[in-house]
C-alpha atoms as a PDB file:
ATOM      1  CA  UNK A   1     -11.423   5.293  12.596  1.00  0.00           C
ATOM      2  CA  UNK A   2      -8.155   7.781  12.324  1.00  0.00           C
ATOM      3  CA  UNK A   3      -9.726   9.323  15.281  1.00  0.00           C
ATOM      4  CA  UNK A   4     -10.384   6.531  17.127  1.00  0.00           C
ATOM      5  CA  UNK A   5      -6.684   4.909  16.737  1.00  0.00           C
ATOM      6  CA  UNK A   6      -5.298   8.804  17.695  1.00  0.00           C
ATOM      7  CA  UNK A   7      -7.416   8.353  21.252  1.00  0.00           C
ATOM      8  CA  UNK A   8      -5.698   5.003  22.324  1.00  0.00           C
ATOM      9  CA  UNK A   9      -2.221   5.690  20.219  1.00  0.00           C
ATOM     10  CA  UNK A  10      -0.705   6.573  23.653  1.00  0.00           C
ATOM     11  CA  UNK A  11      -1.243   3.379  24.702  1.00  0.00           C
ATOM     12  CA  UNK A  12      -0.226   1.140  21.521  1.00  0.00           C
ATOM     13  CA  UNK A  13       3.177  -0.571  21.290  1.00  0.00           C
ATOM     14  CA  UNK A  14       6.002   1.634  20.053  1.00  0.00           C
ATOM     15  CA  UNK A  15       8.610   0.418  17.302  1.00  0.00           C
ATOM     16  CA  UNK A  16      11.762   2.666  16.636  1.00  0.00           C
ATOM     17  CA  UNK A  17      11.567   3.517  13.189  1.00  0.00           C
ATOM     18  CA  UNK A  18      15.697   3.796  12.079  1.00  0.00           C
ATOM     19  CA  UNK A  19      17.630   6.178   9.687  1.00  0.00           C
ATOM     20  CA  UNK A  20      18.661   3.133   7.332  1.00  0.00           C
ATOM     21  CA  UNK A  21      18.686  -0.362   7.281  1.00  0.00           C
ATOM     22  CA  UNK A  22      17.297  -1.746  10.106  1.00  0.00           C
ATOM     23  CA  UNK A  23      19.094  -4.901  11.787  1.00  0.00           C
ATOM     24  CA  UNK A  24      16.775  -5.975  14.333  1.00  0.00           C
ATOM     25  CA  UNK A  25      13.032  -6.762  14.736  1.00  0.00           C
ATOM     26  CA  UNK A  26      11.206  -5.577  17.601  1.00  0.00           C
ATOM     27  CA  UNK A  27       9.078  -8.069  18.513  1.00  0.00           C
ATOM     28  CA  UNK A  28       5.535  -6.985  19.739  1.00  0.00           C
ATOM     29  CA  UNK A  29       1.908  -8.910  21.117  1.00  0.00           C
ATOM     30  CA  UNK A  30      -1.010  -8.118  18.801  1.00  0.00           C
ATOM     31  CA  UNK A  31      -4.522  -8.665  19.065  1.00  0.00           C
ATOM     32  CA  UNK A  32      -3.618  -9.252  23.088  1.00  0.00           C
ATOM     33  CA  UNK A  33      -7.468  -8.348  23.687  1.00  0.00           C
ATOM     34  CA  UNK A  34      -8.875 -10.596  20.991  1.00  0.00           C
ATOM     35  CA  UNK A  35     -10.941  -7.606  19.267  1.00  0.00           C
ATOM     36  CA  UNK A  36      -9.031  -8.631  16.039  1.00  0.00           C
ATOM     37  CA  UNK A  37      -7.640  -5.210  15.997  1.00  0.00           C
ATOM     38  CA  UNK A  38      -4.572  -2.964  17.092  1.00  0.00           C
ATOM     39  CA  UNK A  39      -2.264  -1.287  15.904  1.00  0.00           C
ATOM     40  CA  UNK A  40       1.960  -0.185  16.194  1.00  0.00           C
ATOM     41  CA  UNK A  41       3.034   3.370  16.368  1.00  0.00           C
ATOM     42  CA  UNK A  42       6.376   4.887  15.817  1.00  0.00           C
ATOM     43  CA  UNK A  43       7.964   8.715  15.147  1.00  0.00           C
ATOM     44  CA  UNK A  44       9.919   9.865  12.249  1.00  0.00           C
ATOM     45  CA  UNK A  45      12.672  11.663  13.576  1.00  0.00           C
ATOM     46  CA  UNK A  46      14.864  14.333  11.915  1.00  0.00           C
ATOM     47  CA  UNK A  47      13.871  16.855   9.731  1.00  0.00           C
ATOM     48  CA  UNK A  48      12.190  17.368   6.238  1.00  0.00           C
ATOM     49  CA  UNK A  49      10.489  14.147   4.405  1.00  0.00           C
ATOM     50  CA  UNK A  50      11.296  10.372   4.817  1.00  0.00           C
ATOM     51  CA  UNK A  51      10.944   7.753   2.775  1.00  0.00           C
ATOM     52  CA  UNK A  52       9.996   4.547   4.544  1.00  0.00           C
ATOM     53  CA  UNK A  53      10.644   0.243   4.006  1.00  0.00           C
ATOM     54  CA  UNK A  54       9.082  -1.912   6.633  1.00  0.00           C
ATOM     55  CA  UNK A  55       8.480  -5.414   7.351  1.00  0.00           C
ATOM     56  CA  UNK A  56       6.487  -7.885   9.107  1.00  0.00           C
ATOM     57  CA  UNK A  57       7.093 -11.040  10.163  1.00  0.00           C
ATOM     58  CA  UNK A  58       3.497 -13.498  11.655  1.00  0.00           C
ATOM     59  CA  UNK A  59       3.838 -16.522  12.694  1.00  0.00           C
ATOM     60  CA  UNK A  60       2.128 -19.372  10.133  1.00  0.00           C
ATOM     61  CA  UNK A  61       0.519 -18.478   6.938  1.00  0.00           C
ATOM     62  CA  UNK A  62      -0.832 -15.005   7.058  1.00  0.00           C
ATOM     63  CA  UNK A  63      -2.298 -15.172   3.658  1.00  0.00           C
ATOM     64  CA  UNK A  64      -5.273 -13.820   3.921  1.00  0.00           C
ATOM     65  CA  UNK A  65      -5.597 -13.304   7.209  1.00  0.00           C
ATOM     66  CA  UNK A  66      -4.372  -9.875   7.774  1.00  0.00           C
ATOM     67  CA  UNK A  67      -5.190  -6.589   6.510  1.00  0.00           C
ATOM     68  CA  UNK A  68      -3.161  -3.322   7.473  1.00  0.00           C
ATOM     69  CA  UNK A  69      -2.929   0.093   6.942  1.00  0.00           C
ATOM     70  CA  UNK A  70      -0.787   3.267   8.003  1.00  0.00           C
ATOM     71  CA  UNK A  71      -2.419   6.062   9.270  1.00  0.00           C
ATOM     72  CA  UNK A  72      -1.033   9.355  10.952  1.00  0.00           C
ATOM     73  CA  UNK A  73      -1.912  10.295  14.111  1.00  0.00           C
ATOM     74  CA  UNK A  74      -2.057  14.069  13.566  1.00  0.00           C
ATOM     75  CA  UNK A  75      -1.349  14.323   9.636  1.00  0.00           C
ATOM     76  CA  UNK A  76      -2.756  12.554   6.737  1.00  0.00           C
ATOM     77  CA  UNK A  77      -0.830  10.270   4.489  1.00  0.00           C
ATOM     78  CA  UNK A  78      -1.996  10.305   0.931  1.00  0.00           C
ATOM     79  CA  UNK A  79      -3.863   8.478  -0.879  1.00  0.00           C
ATOM     80  CA  UNK A  80      -1.513   6.002  -2.685  1.00  0.00           C
ATOM     81  CA  UNK A  81      -0.078   4.764   0.114  1.00  0.00           C
ATOM     82  CA  UNK A  82       0.416   0.761   0.760  1.00  0.00           C
ATOM     83  CA  UNK A  83      -0.657  -0.310  -2.486  1.00  0.00           C
ATOM     84  CA  UNK A  84       2.375  -2.970  -3.056  1.00  0.00           C
ATOM     85  CA  UNK A  85       4.139  -5.485  -1.289  1.00  0.00           C
ATOM     86  CA  UNK A  86       6.176  -8.467  -1.380  1.00  0.00           C
ATOM     87  CA  UNK A  87       5.789 -11.552   0.761  1.00  0.00           C
ATOM     88  CA  UNK A  88       7.559 -14.722   1.613  1.00  0.00           C
ATOM     89  CA  UNK A  89       7.033 -17.628   3.353  1.00  0.00           C
ATOM     90  CA  UNK A  90       9.336 -19.655   6.011  1.00  0.00           C
ATOM     91  CA  UNK A  91      11.687 -16.431   6.214  1.00  0.00           C
ATOM     92  CA  UNK A  92      14.943 -16.956   8.036  1.00  0.00           C
ATOM     93  CA  UNK A  93      17.265 -14.892   9.597  1.00  0.00           C
ATOM     94  CA  UNK A  94      20.632 -15.623  11.677  1.00  0.00           C
ATOM     95  CA  UNK A  95      19.316 -14.258  14.984  1.00  0.00           C
ATOM     96  CA  UNK A  96      16.077 -12.866  14.593  1.00  0.00           C
ATOM     97  CA  UNK A  97      14.257 -15.353  16.423  1.00  0.00           C
ATOM     98  CA  UNK A  98      11.349 -15.847  13.794  1.00  0.00           C
ATOM     99  CA  UNK A  99       9.300 -18.625  13.709  1.00  0.00           C
ATOM    100  CA  UNK A 100       9.763 -21.471  11.662  1.00  0.00           C
ATOM    101  CA  UNK A 101       6.503 -21.426  10.168  1.00  0.00           C
ATOM    102  CA  UNK A 102       5.681 -18.028   8.849  1.00  0.00           C
ATOM    103  CA  UNK A 103       5.136 -15.358   6.580  1.00  0.00           C
ATOM    104  CA  UNK A 104       7.024 -11.845   5.897  1.00  0.00           C
ATOM    105  CA  UNK A 105       5.912  -8.839   4.528  1.00  0.00           C
ATOM    106  CA  UNK A 106       8.327  -6.116   3.040  1.00  0.00           C
ATOM    107  CA  UNK A 107       6.835  -3.140   1.896  1.00  0.00           C
ATOM    108  CA  UNK A 108       7.791   0.431   1.166  1.00  0.00           C
ATOM    109  CA  UNK A 109       6.385   3.750   1.106  1.00  0.00           C
ATOM    110  CA  UNK A 110       7.979   6.636  -1.310  1.00  0.00           C
ATOM    111  CA  UNK A 111       8.165   8.758  -4.201  1.00  0.00           C
ATOM    112  CA  UNK A 112       4.895  10.988  -3.677  1.00  0.00           C
ATOM    113  CA  UNK A 113       3.880   9.755  -0.163  1.00  0.00           C
ATOM    114  CA  UNK A 114       6.741  10.758   2.080  1.00  0.00           C
ATOM    115  CA  UNK A 115       6.661  11.015   5.716  1.00  0.00           C
ATOM    116  CA  UNK A 116       6.926  14.122   7.492  1.00  0.00           C
ATOM    117  CA  UNK A 117       9.772  14.318  10.803  1.00  0.00           C
ATOM    118  CA  UNK A 118       8.391  14.972  13.797  1.00  0.00           C
ATOM    119  CA  UNK A 119       5.079  12.813  13.257  1.00  0.00           C
ATOM    120  CA  UNK A 120       3.563   9.906  14.540  1.00  0.00           C
ATOM    121  CA  UNK A 121       2.249   7.549  12.207  1.00  0.00           C
ATOM    122  CA  UNK A 122       0.224   4.544  13.187  1.00  0.00           C
ATOM    123  CA  UNK A 123      -0.043   1.176  11.406  1.00  0.00           C
ATOM    124  CA  UNK A 124      -3.281  -0.455  12.180  1.00  0.00           C
ATOM    125  CA  UNK A 125      -3.794  -4.257  11.774  1.00  0.00           C
ATOM    126  CA  UNK A 126      -7.165  -6.525  10.705  1.00  0.00           C
ATOM    127  CA  UNK A 127      -6.949 -10.550  12.225  1.00  0.00           C
ATOM    128  CA  UNK A 128      -9.929 -11.734   9.860  1.00  0.00           C
ATOM    129  CA  UNK A 129      -9.582 -15.623  10.781  1.00  0.00           C
ATOM    130  CA  UNK A 130      -7.237 -15.493  14.731  1.00  0.00           C
ATOM    131  CA  UNK A 131      -8.661 -14.219  17.365  1.00  0.00           C
ATOM    132  CA  UNK A 132      -5.814 -15.155  19.594  1.00  0.00           C
ATOM    133  CA  UNK A 133      -2.962 -12.349  20.418  1.00  0.00           C
ATOM    134  CA  UNK A 134       0.036 -12.931  17.923  1.00  0.00           C
ATOM    135  CA  UNK A 135       3.528 -11.938  18.578  1.00  0.00           C
ATOM    136  CA  UNK A 136       4.435  -9.920  15.242  1.00  0.00           C
ATOM    137  CA  UNK A 137       7.853  -8.928  14.326  1.00  0.00           C
ATOM    138  CA  UNK A 138       8.422  -5.671  12.697  1.00  0.00           C
ATOM    139  CA  UNK A 139      11.165  -3.435  11.676  1.00  0.00           C
ATOM    140  CA  UNK A 140      10.936   0.207   9.989  1.00  0.00           C
ATOM    141  CA  UNK A 141      13.927   1.682   8.127  1.00  0.00           C
ATOM    142  CA  UNK A 142      13.408   5.092   6.618  1.00  0.00           C
ATOM    143  CA  UNK A 143      16.068   7.285   4.317  1.00  0.00           C
ATOM    144  CA  UNK A 144      15.855  11.556   3.610  1.00  0.00           C
ATOM    145  CA  UNK A 145      12.816  11.677   0.894  1.00  0.00           C
ATOM    146  CA  UNK A 146      14.428  12.627  -2.319  1.00  0.00           C
ATOM    147  CA  UNK A 147      12.315  13.931  -4.966  1.00  0.00           C
ATOM    148  CA  UNK A 148      12.650  11.924  -8.183  1.00  0.00           C
END
C-alpha cells in the first residue's frame, strides 16, 4: 500500500504542518472518487526530528466509519505509531467553521517515533460505510523532538 500511495502522492491534498500548535484547520475533501480510500500529505520542515500532534474533524458520528494510519513517502514510520487517540463529539471552536454534528480525533506521534525533517508523510483514511465525498478539517502541529 505504501508504494501505491507514494506513486500518487503528488495528487493528494497537501496540509501544512506548522511548528507549535496550529491555529487553523485545513479543509480537505476526501473520498472524492468514491473509492472509500484517500490520503493527505504533509512535509516536516526544519532540521532534526519532530514530535507530531494532529487532529481531524469529521462530520457526523465517525465512530466505526473511519480508520487511518501514517506512512512515510520515502522513509519508514516505526511500528508503534498511532496507537492511541482521543475522540470527542460535536466539538466547537470559535471561527473554525466546523459542522455542528461532528467527531474530533486528536492524536500524537512522539517519544520513540519522531518524524524526520525534510520528509513527506502521508496519512491515509479508509471509509468503511460511507461512499460519498466528505469534508474533513485537519491540522498538524510539530515540536522539536527531545529524547526522554
